[in-house]
C-alpha cells in the first residue's frame, strides 16, 4: 500500500529496532498525528487462539472521549419505567419493534430484557447487520436495565476478535493527554487478559500496537504492558 509524504514523514519518528512502552507509544502517536481533524487512537491486539475460540466482551474505559450514546431499551412494565428513570434515550416494546421494521435505526446501542428477546429476535436480520442486536455476551440482554443504561451511557463498548484473531478498539483521540490514552489502552488489555480462554495455549498475546486514524502503528512491548496491567 502506497503512503503519502506526511505519513512517511511521521513514520520516520519511529525507532523500528525497539518496542515501546504503552506510555511511550501513546505520546509518540500523539506527536505523529498530522491530519487536520482530531484523529482517533486505535489499539490493535493480536491473540493466539484455536479456531473454535474467540474473545468477546465489553469494557468501560476510564477516560471517555466519544459523545454520549443513544441507548434504546426493549422492556415492559416496571422494567420500562426503570430504564426511563436511568436515562435511556428510547424505551418501548412492540412499538419500537414495529418502528425498526419500518427502517428506523436512530440509536447507538440496544438493550433488552430476557422476556423481550422472543420478539426482538425477529429483528435479527436488521439489527444483526448493524451490530445492534442485544446479546447476553455483551451484557445487553439483562433484567438489570438501569445498570446497563448507566454503563452504556458512560461509554461501555464492545470488543471482539476478528477473523485473524485481532481485536481493534478505539481508545482515545489525539487531542487527549497521552497518559489518558495509555490508561484506556491498559484497561482494554486488562479485560482481554481476563477473558483468556482456559485452554488457550502458548503466548496468548502475540503483539500489541497503537496508531492514529491516519498514522503508522507503534509496536508495544507486550511483556512490559502485561506487567503494567497486573
C-alpha atoms as a PDB file:
ATOM      1  CA  UNK A   1       0.000   0.000   0.000  1.00  0.00           C
ATOM      2  CA  UNK A   2       1.417   3.392  -1.036  1.00  0.00           C
ATOM      3  CA  UNK A   3       1.544   6.068   1.650  1.00  0.00           C
ATOM      4  CA  UNK A   4       1.638   9.835   1.336  1.00  0.00           C
ATOM      5  CA  UNK A   5       4.506  12.163   2.214  1.00  0.00           C
ATOM      6  CA  UNK A   6       3.008  13.150   5.600  1.00  0.00           C
ATOM      7  CA  UNK A   7       2.596   9.515   6.617  1.00  0.00           C
ATOM      8  CA  UNK A   8       6.156   8.679   5.629  1.00  0.00           C
ATOM      9  CA  UNK A   9       7.494  11.710   7.490  1.00  0.00           C
ATOM     10  CA  UNK A  10       5.620  10.598  10.628  1.00  0.00           C
ATOM     11  CA  UNK A  11       6.854   7.033  10.279  1.00  0.00           C
ATOM     12  CA  UNK A  12      10.471   8.259  10.401  1.00  0.00           C
ATOM     13  CA  UNK A  13       9.901   9.185  14.051  1.00  0.00           C
ATOM     14  CA  UNK A  14       9.508   5.506  14.972  1.00  0.00           C
ATOM     15  CA  UNK A  15      12.561   3.554  16.057  1.00  0.00           C
ATOM     16  CA  UNK A  16      11.776   0.195  14.459  1.00  0.00           C
ATOM     17  CA  UNK A  17      14.543  -1.513  16.410  1.00  0.00           C
ATOM     18  CA  UNK A  18      12.568  -1.254  19.653  1.00  0.00           C
ATOM     19  CA  UNK A  19       9.163  -1.999  21.120  1.00  0.00           C
ATOM     20  CA  UNK A  20       7.767   0.886  23.121  1.00  0.00           C
ATOM     21  CA  UNK A  21       6.036   1.017  26.485  1.00  0.00           C
ATOM     22  CA  UNK A  22       2.352   1.907  26.288  1.00  0.00           C
ATOM     23  CA  UNK A  23       3.088   5.375  27.705  1.00  0.00           C
ATOM     24  CA  UNK A  24       5.819   5.990  25.129  1.00  0.00           C
ATOM     25  CA  UNK A  25       3.592   4.730  22.323  1.00  0.00           C
ATOM     26  CA  UNK A  26       0.694   6.982  23.314  1.00  0.00           C
ATOM     27  CA  UNK A  27       2.975  10.030  23.378  1.00  0.00           C
ATOM     28  CA  UNK A  28       4.537   9.105  20.022  1.00  0.00           C
ATOM     29  CA  UNK A  29       1.179   8.512  18.320  1.00  0.00           C
ATOM     30  CA  UNK A  30       0.057  11.933  19.516  1.00  0.00           C
ATOM     31  CA  UNK A  31       3.278  13.508  18.216  1.00  0.00           C
ATOM     32  CA  UNK A  32       2.995  11.814  14.802  1.00  0.00           C
ATOM     33  CA  UNK A  33      -0.638  12.771  14.113  1.00  0.00           C
ATOM     34  CA  UNK A  34      -0.832  15.076  11.112  1.00  0.00           C
ATOM     35  CA  UNK A  35      -4.467  15.172   9.947  1.00  0.00           C
ATOM     36  CA  UNK A  36      -6.474  18.391  10.204  1.00  0.00           C
ATOM     37  CA  UNK A  37      -9.167  16.598  12.205  1.00  0.00           C
ATOM     38  CA  UNK A  38      -8.991  15.100  15.685  1.00  0.00           C
ATOM     39  CA  UNK A  39      -7.803  11.592  14.827  1.00  0.00           C
ATOM     40  CA  UNK A  40      -8.996   8.556  16.753  1.00  0.00           C
ATOM     41  CA  UNK A  41      -6.351   6.464  18.509  1.00  0.00           C
ATOM     42  CA  UNK A  42      -6.814   2.738  17.985  1.00  0.00           C
ATOM     43  CA  UNK A  43      -5.394  -0.218  19.862  1.00  0.00           C
ATOM     44  CA  UNK A  44      -4.744  -3.479  17.998  1.00  0.00           C
ATOM     45  CA  UNK A  45      -4.118  -6.681  19.968  1.00  0.00           C
ATOM     46  CA  UNK A  46      -3.330  -9.944  18.174  1.00  0.00           C
ATOM     47  CA  UNK A  47      -4.078 -13.135  20.111  1.00  0.00           C
ATOM     48  CA  UNK A  48      -3.211 -16.811  19.840  1.00  0.00           C
ATOM     49  CA  UNK A  49      -6.497 -18.728  19.686  1.00  0.00           C
ATOM     50  CA  UNK A  50      -7.792 -22.027  18.388  1.00  0.00           C
ATOM     51  CA  UNK A  51     -10.259 -21.967  15.503  1.00  0.00           C
ATOM     52  CA  UNK A  52     -13.084 -22.722  17.922  1.00  0.00           C
ATOM     53  CA  UNK A  53     -12.150 -19.857  20.259  1.00  0.00           C
ATOM     54  CA  UNK A  54     -12.991 -16.178  20.243  1.00  0.00           C
ATOM     55  CA  UNK A  55     -12.722 -13.357  22.734  1.00  0.00           C
ATOM     56  CA  UNK A  56     -15.680 -11.024  23.091  1.00  0.00           C
ATOM     57  CA  UNK A  57     -16.958  -8.791  25.859  1.00  0.00           C
ATOM     58  CA  UNK A  58     -17.433  -5.148  26.795  1.00  0.00           C
ATOM     59  CA  UNK A  59     -15.309  -2.625  28.634  1.00  0.00           C
ATOM     60  CA  UNK A  60     -15.900   0.766  30.239  1.00  0.00           C
ATOM     61  CA  UNK A  61     -12.900   2.976  29.528  1.00  0.00           C
ATOM     62  CA  UNK A  62     -11.724   5.152  32.440  1.00  0.00           C
ATOM     63  CA  UNK A  63     -11.388   8.236  30.207  1.00  0.00           C
ATOM     64  CA  UNK A  64     -14.276   8.946  27.859  1.00  0.00           C
ATOM     65  CA  UNK A  65     -13.830  10.665  24.506  1.00  0.00           C
ATOM     66  CA  UNK A  66     -16.956   9.925  22.467  1.00  0.00           C
ATOM     67  CA  UNK A  67     -20.372  11.557  22.520  1.00  0.00           C
ATOM     68  CA  UNK A  68     -22.886  10.027  24.905  1.00  0.00           C
ATOM     69  CA  UNK A  69     -24.568   7.035  23.303  1.00  0.00           C
ATOM     70  CA  UNK A  70     -28.259   6.924  22.472  1.00  0.00           C
ATOM     71  CA  UNK A  71     -29.468   3.846  24.338  1.00  0.00           C
ATOM     72  CA  UNK A  72     -32.651   2.045  23.304  1.00  0.00           C
ATOM     73  CA  UNK A  73     -34.269  -0.394  25.738  1.00  0.00           C
ATOM     74  CA  UNK A  74     -36.822  -3.055  24.849  1.00  0.00           C
ATOM     75  CA  UNK A  75     -38.789  -3.575  28.064  1.00  0.00           C
ATOM     76  CA  UNK A  76     -42.282  -3.625  29.524  1.00  0.00           C
ATOM     77  CA  UNK A  77     -43.932  -2.535  32.748  1.00  0.00           C
ATOM     78  CA  UNK A  78     -41.713  -1.866  35.745  1.00  0.00           C
ATOM     79  CA  UNK A  79     -38.531  -2.566  33.759  1.00  0.00           C
ATOM     80  CA  UNK A  80     -39.551   0.032  31.183  1.00  0.00           C
ATOM     81  CA  UNK A  81     -40.070   2.551  33.985  1.00  0.00           C
ATOM     82  CA  UNK A  82     -36.662   1.588  35.406  1.00  0.00           C
ATOM     83  CA  UNK A  83     -34.989   2.178  32.031  1.00  0.00           C
ATOM     84  CA  UNK A  84     -36.634   5.587  31.652  1.00  0.00           C
ATOM     85  CA  UNK A  85     -35.541   6.603  35.148  1.00  0.00           C
ATOM     86  CA  UNK A  86     -31.983   5.532  34.342  1.00  0.00           C
ATOM     87  CA  UNK A  87     -31.906   7.877  31.354  1.00  0.00           C
ATOM     88  CA  UNK A  88     -32.457   5.588  28.370  1.00  0.00           C
ATOM     89  CA  UNK A  89     -32.997   7.584  25.186  1.00  0.00           C
ATOM     90  CA  UNK A  90     -35.790   5.335  23.917  1.00  0.00           C
ATOM     91  CA  UNK A  91     -37.892   2.775  25.794  1.00  0.00           C
ATOM     92  CA  UNK A  92     -40.652   0.586  24.410  1.00  0.00           C
ATOM     93  CA  UNK A  93     -41.684  -2.867  23.245  1.00  0.00           C
ATOM     94  CA  UNK A  94     -43.918  -3.674  20.275  1.00  0.00           C
ATOM     95  CA  UNK A  95     -43.998  -0.015  19.205  1.00  0.00           C
ATOM     96  CA  UNK A  96     -40.212   0.153  18.853  1.00  0.00           C
ATOM     97  CA  UNK A  97     -40.052  -3.250  17.174  1.00  0.00           C
ATOM     98  CA  UNK A  98     -42.532  -2.091  14.536  1.00  0.00           C
ATOM     99  CA  UNK A  99     -40.689   1.201  14.081  1.00  0.00           C
ATOM    100  CA  UNK A 100     -37.407  -0.632  13.442  1.00  0.00           C
ATOM    101  CA  UNK A 101     -39.120  -2.972  10.975  1.00  0.00           C
ATOM    102  CA  UNK A 102     -40.117   0.171   9.073  1.00  0.00           C
ATOM    103  CA  UNK A 103     -36.483   1.256   8.817  1.00  0.00           C
ATOM    104  CA  UNK A 104     -35.850   3.458  11.858  1.00  0.00           C
ATOM    105  CA  UNK A 105     -32.406   2.968  13.420  1.00  0.00           C
ATOM    106  CA  UNK A 106     -31.700   6.285  15.116  1.00  0.00           C
ATOM    107  CA  UNK A 107     -29.864   4.857  18.153  1.00  0.00           C
ATOM    108  CA  UNK A 108     -26.366   3.622  19.017  1.00  0.00           C
ATOM    109  CA  UNK A 109     -26.939   0.567  21.202  1.00  0.00           C
ATOM    110  CA  UNK A 110     -29.891  -1.630  22.162  1.00  0.00           C
ATOM    111  CA  UNK A 111     -30.696  -3.387  25.430  1.00  0.00           C
ATOM    112  CA  UNK A 112     -33.472  -5.918  26.001  1.00  0.00           C
ATOM    113  CA  UNK A 113     -34.881  -7.728  28.992  1.00  0.00           C
ATOM    114  CA  UNK A 114     -34.747 -11.531  28.538  1.00  0.00           C
ATOM    115  CA  UNK A 115     -38.538 -11.804  28.292  1.00  0.00           C
ATOM    116  CA  UNK A 116     -38.476  -9.464  25.266  1.00  0.00           C
ATOM    117  CA  UNK A 117     -35.951 -11.450  23.251  1.00  0.00           C
ATOM    118  CA  UNK A 118     -38.519 -13.748  21.626  1.00  0.00           C
ATOM    119  CA  UNK A 119     -39.971 -10.711  19.843  1.00  0.00           C
ATOM    120  CA  UNK A 120     -36.735  -8.744  19.492  1.00  0.00           C
ATOM    121  CA  UNK A 121     -35.124 -11.814  17.909  1.00  0.00           C
ATOM    122  CA  UNK A 122     -37.295 -11.292  14.852  1.00  0.00           C
ATOM    123  CA  UNK A 123     -35.290  -8.142  14.195  1.00  0.00           C
ATOM    124  CA  UNK A 124     -32.125 -10.214  13.764  1.00  0.00           C
ATOM    125  CA  UNK A 125     -31.765  -9.596  10.011  1.00  0.00           C
ATOM    126  CA  UNK A 126     -31.973  -5.842  10.626  1.00  0.00           C
ATOM    127  CA  UNK A 127     -30.125  -5.336  13.907  1.00  0.00           C
ATOM    128  CA  UNK A 128     -27.576  -8.076  13.284  1.00  0.00           C
ATOM    129  CA  UNK A 129     -26.245  -6.411  10.123  1.00  0.00           C
ATOM    130  CA  UNK A 130     -25.754  -3.165  12.039  1.00  0.00           C
ATOM    131  CA  UNK A 131     -24.173  -4.770  15.099  1.00  0.00           C
ATOM    132  CA  UNK A 132     -27.093  -3.583  17.230  1.00  0.00           C
ATOM    133  CA  UNK A 133     -28.634  -6.899  18.286  1.00  0.00           C
ATOM    134  CA  UNK A 134     -28.839  -7.304  22.103  1.00  0.00           C
ATOM    135  CA  UNK A 135     -26.655 -10.186  23.243  1.00  0.00           C
ATOM    136  CA  UNK A 136     -26.033 -11.786  26.663  1.00  0.00           C
ATOM    137  CA  UNK A 137     -22.294 -11.900  25.887  1.00  0.00           C
ATOM    138  CA  UNK A 138     -22.168  -8.121  25.770  1.00  0.00           C
ATOM    139  CA  UNK A 139     -24.465  -7.711  28.791  1.00  0.00           C
ATOM    140  CA  UNK A 140     -27.178  -6.102  26.680  1.00  0.00           C
ATOM    141  CA  UNK A 141     -29.744  -8.818  27.443  1.00  0.00           C
ATOM    142  CA  UNK A 142     -30.432  -8.285  31.130  1.00  0.00           C
ATOM    143  CA  UNK A 143     -33.091  -7.532  33.717  1.00  0.00           C
ATOM    144  CA  UNK A 144     -30.704  -5.020  35.307  1.00  0.00           C
ATOM    145  CA  UNK A 145     -31.589  -2.394  32.728  1.00  0.00           C
ATOM    146  CA  UNK A 146     -30.696   0.539  34.980  1.00  0.00           C
ATOM    147  CA  UNK A 147     -27.093  -0.616  35.335  1.00  0.00           C
ATOM    148  CA  UNK A 148     -26.857  -1.402  31.630  1.00  0.00           C
ATOM    149  CA  UNK A 149     -28.116   2.053  30.662  1.00  0.00           C
ATOM    150  CA  UNK A 150     -25.735   3.707  33.119  1.00  0.00           C
ATOM    151  CA  UNK A 151     -22.667   1.857  31.832  1.00  0.00           C
ATOM    152  CA  UNK A 152     -23.553   2.219  28.159  1.00  0.00           C
ATOM    153  CA  UNK A 153     -24.187   5.927  28.589  1.00  0.00           C
ATOM    154  CA  UNK A 154     -20.746   6.225  30.186  1.00  0.00           C
ATOM    155  CA  UNK A 155     -19.223   4.599  27.121  1.00  0.00           C
ATOM    156  CA  UNK A 156     -19.208   0.868  27.729  1.00  0.00           C
ATOM    157  CA  UNK A 157     -18.180  -0.550  24.392  1.00  0.00           C
ATOM    158  CA  UNK A 158     -17.879  -3.969  22.830  1.00  0.00           C
ATOM    159  CA  UNK A 159     -14.675  -5.582  21.673  1.00  0.00           C
ATOM    160  CA  UNK A 160     -14.208  -8.876  19.812  1.00  0.00           C
ATOM    161  CA  UNK A 161     -11.634 -10.770  17.825  1.00  0.00           C
ATOM    162  CA  UNK A 162     -11.914 -10.621  14.058  1.00  0.00           C
ATOM    163  CA  UNK A 163     -11.244 -13.490  11.662  1.00  0.00           C
ATOM    164  CA  UNK A 164      -7.482 -13.074  12.119  1.00  0.00           C
ATOM    165  CA  UNK A 165      -7.731 -13.104  15.955  1.00  0.00           C
ATOM    166  CA  UNK A 166      -7.064  -9.388  16.223  1.00  0.00           C
ATOM    167  CA  UNK A 167      -9.037  -7.032  18.466  1.00  0.00           C
ATOM    168  CA  UNK A 168      -9.287  -3.447  17.198  1.00  0.00           C
ATOM    169  CA  UNK A 169     -10.717  -0.850  19.571  1.00  0.00           C
ATOM    170  CA  UNK A 170     -10.691   2.939  19.722  1.00  0.00           C
ATOM    171  CA  UNK A 171      -9.093   4.091  22.983  1.00  0.00           C
ATOM    172  CA  UNK A 172      -8.942   7.856  22.592  1.00  0.00           C
ATOM    173  CA  UNK A 173      -8.354  10.936  20.475  1.00  0.00           C
ATOM    174  CA  UNK A 174      -5.033  12.572  19.656  1.00  0.00           C
ATOM    175  CA  UNK A 175      -6.292  15.716  21.408  1.00  0.00           C
ATOM    176  CA  UNK A 176      -6.354  13.835  24.741  1.00  0.00           C
ATOM    177  CA  UNK A 177      -3.471  13.712  27.180  1.00  0.00           C
ATOM    178  CA  UNK A 178      -1.230  10.803  26.234  1.00  0.00           C
ATOM    179  CA  UNK A 179      -1.478   9.488  29.803  1.00  0.00           C
ATOM    180  CA  UNK A 180      -5.258   9.146  29.464  1.00  0.00           C
ATOM    181  CA  UNK A 181      -4.967   7.299  26.153  1.00  0.00           C
ATOM    182  CA  UNK A 182      -2.421   4.954  27.746  1.00  0.00           C
ATOM    183  CA  UNK A 183      -4.725   4.384  30.723  1.00  0.00           C
ATOM    184  CA  UNK A 184      -7.582   3.430  28.382  1.00  0.00           C
ATOM    185  CA  UNK A 185      -5.336   1.039  26.460  1.00  0.00           C
ATOM    186  CA  UNK A 186      -4.210  -0.622  29.692  1.00  0.00           C
ATOM    187  CA  UNK A 187      -7.860  -1.065  30.738  1.00  0.00           C
ATOM    188  CA  UNK A 188      -8.647  -2.826  27.454  1.00  0.00           C
ATOM    189  CA  UNK A 189      -5.647  -5.143  27.684  1.00  0.00           C
ATOM    190  CA  UNK A 190      -6.541  -5.949  31.286  1.00  0.00           C
ATOM    191  CA  UNK A 191     -10.030  -7.008  30.176  1.00  0.00           C
ATOM    192  CA  UNK A 192      -8.655  -9.060  27.290  1.00  0.00           C
ATOM    193  CA  UNK A 193      -6.337 -10.892  29.690  1.00  0.00           C
ATOM    194  CA  UNK A 194      -9.301 -11.595  31.984  1.00  0.00           C
ATOM    195  CA  UNK A 195     -11.148 -13.191  29.055  1.00  0.00           C
ATOM    196  CA  UNK A 196      -8.326 -15.558  28.137  1.00  0.00           C
ATOM    197  CA  UNK A 197      -9.854 -18.982  27.312  1.00  0.00           C
ATOM    198  CA  UNK A 198      -8.891 -21.548  29.942  1.00  0.00           C
ATOM    199  CA  UNK A 199      -7.484 -23.899  27.300  1.00  0.00           C
ATOM    200  CA  UNK A 200      -5.556 -21.281  25.282  1.00  0.00           C
ATOM    201  CA  UNK A 201      -2.015 -22.477  24.573  1.00  0.00           C
ATOM    202  CA  UNK A 202       1.290 -20.636  24.124  1.00  0.00           C
ATOM    203  CA  UNK A 203       1.674 -16.875  24.230  1.00  0.00           C
ATOM    204  CA  UNK A 204      -1.879 -15.553  24.458  1.00  0.00           C
ATOM    205  CA  UNK A 205      -0.993 -12.006  23.412  1.00  0.00           C
ATOM    206  CA  UNK A 206       1.159 -12.102  20.284  1.00  0.00           C
ATOM    207  CA  UNK A 207       1.507  -8.396  19.558  1.00  0.00           C
ATOM    208  CA  UNK A 208       0.097  -5.011  20.533  1.00  0.00           C
ATOM    209  CA  UNK A 209       0.212  -1.749  18.619  1.00  0.00           C
ATOM    210  CA  UNK A 210      -1.201   1.745  18.853  1.00  0.00           C
ATOM    211  CA  UNK A 211      -1.942   4.093  15.952  1.00  0.00           C
ATOM    212  CA  UNK A 212      -3.974   7.127  14.986  1.00  0.00           C
ATOM    213  CA  UNK A 213      -6.575   7.111  12.203  1.00  0.00           C
ATOM    214  CA  UNK A 214      -4.100   8.254   9.568  1.00  0.00           C
ATOM    215  CA  UNK A 215      -0.754   7.441  11.143  1.00  0.00           C
ATOM    216  CA  UNK A 216       1.603   4.468  11.338  1.00  0.00           C
ATOM    217  CA  UNK A 217       1.372   1.841  14.056  1.00  0.00           C
ATOM    218  CA  UNK A 218       3.702   1.825  17.042  1.00  0.00           C
ATOM    219  CA  UNK A 219       4.585  -1.617  18.395  1.00  0.00           C
ATOM    220  CA  UNK A 220       4.282  -2.028  22.164  1.00  0.00           C
ATOM    221  CA  UNK A 221       6.445  -4.342  24.242  1.00  0.00           C
ATOM    222  CA  UNK A 222       3.910  -6.959  25.345  1.00  0.00           C
ATOM    223  CA  UNK A 223       5.677  -8.167  28.497  1.00  0.00           C
ATOM    224  CA  UNK A 224       6.024  -4.615  29.804  1.00  0.00           C
ATOM    225  CA  UNK A 225       2.360  -3.941  29.090  1.00  0.00           C
ATOM    226  CA  UNK A 226       1.211  -7.114  30.807  1.00  0.00           C
ATOM    227  CA  UNK A 227       3.225  -6.162  33.882  1.00  0.00           C
ATOM    228  CA  UNK A 228       1.580  -2.738  33.819  1.00  0.00           C
ATOM    229  CA  UNK A 229      -1.940  -4.163  33.946  1.00  0.00           C
ATOM    230  CA  UNK A 230      -1.347  -6.822  36.629  1.00  0.00           C
END
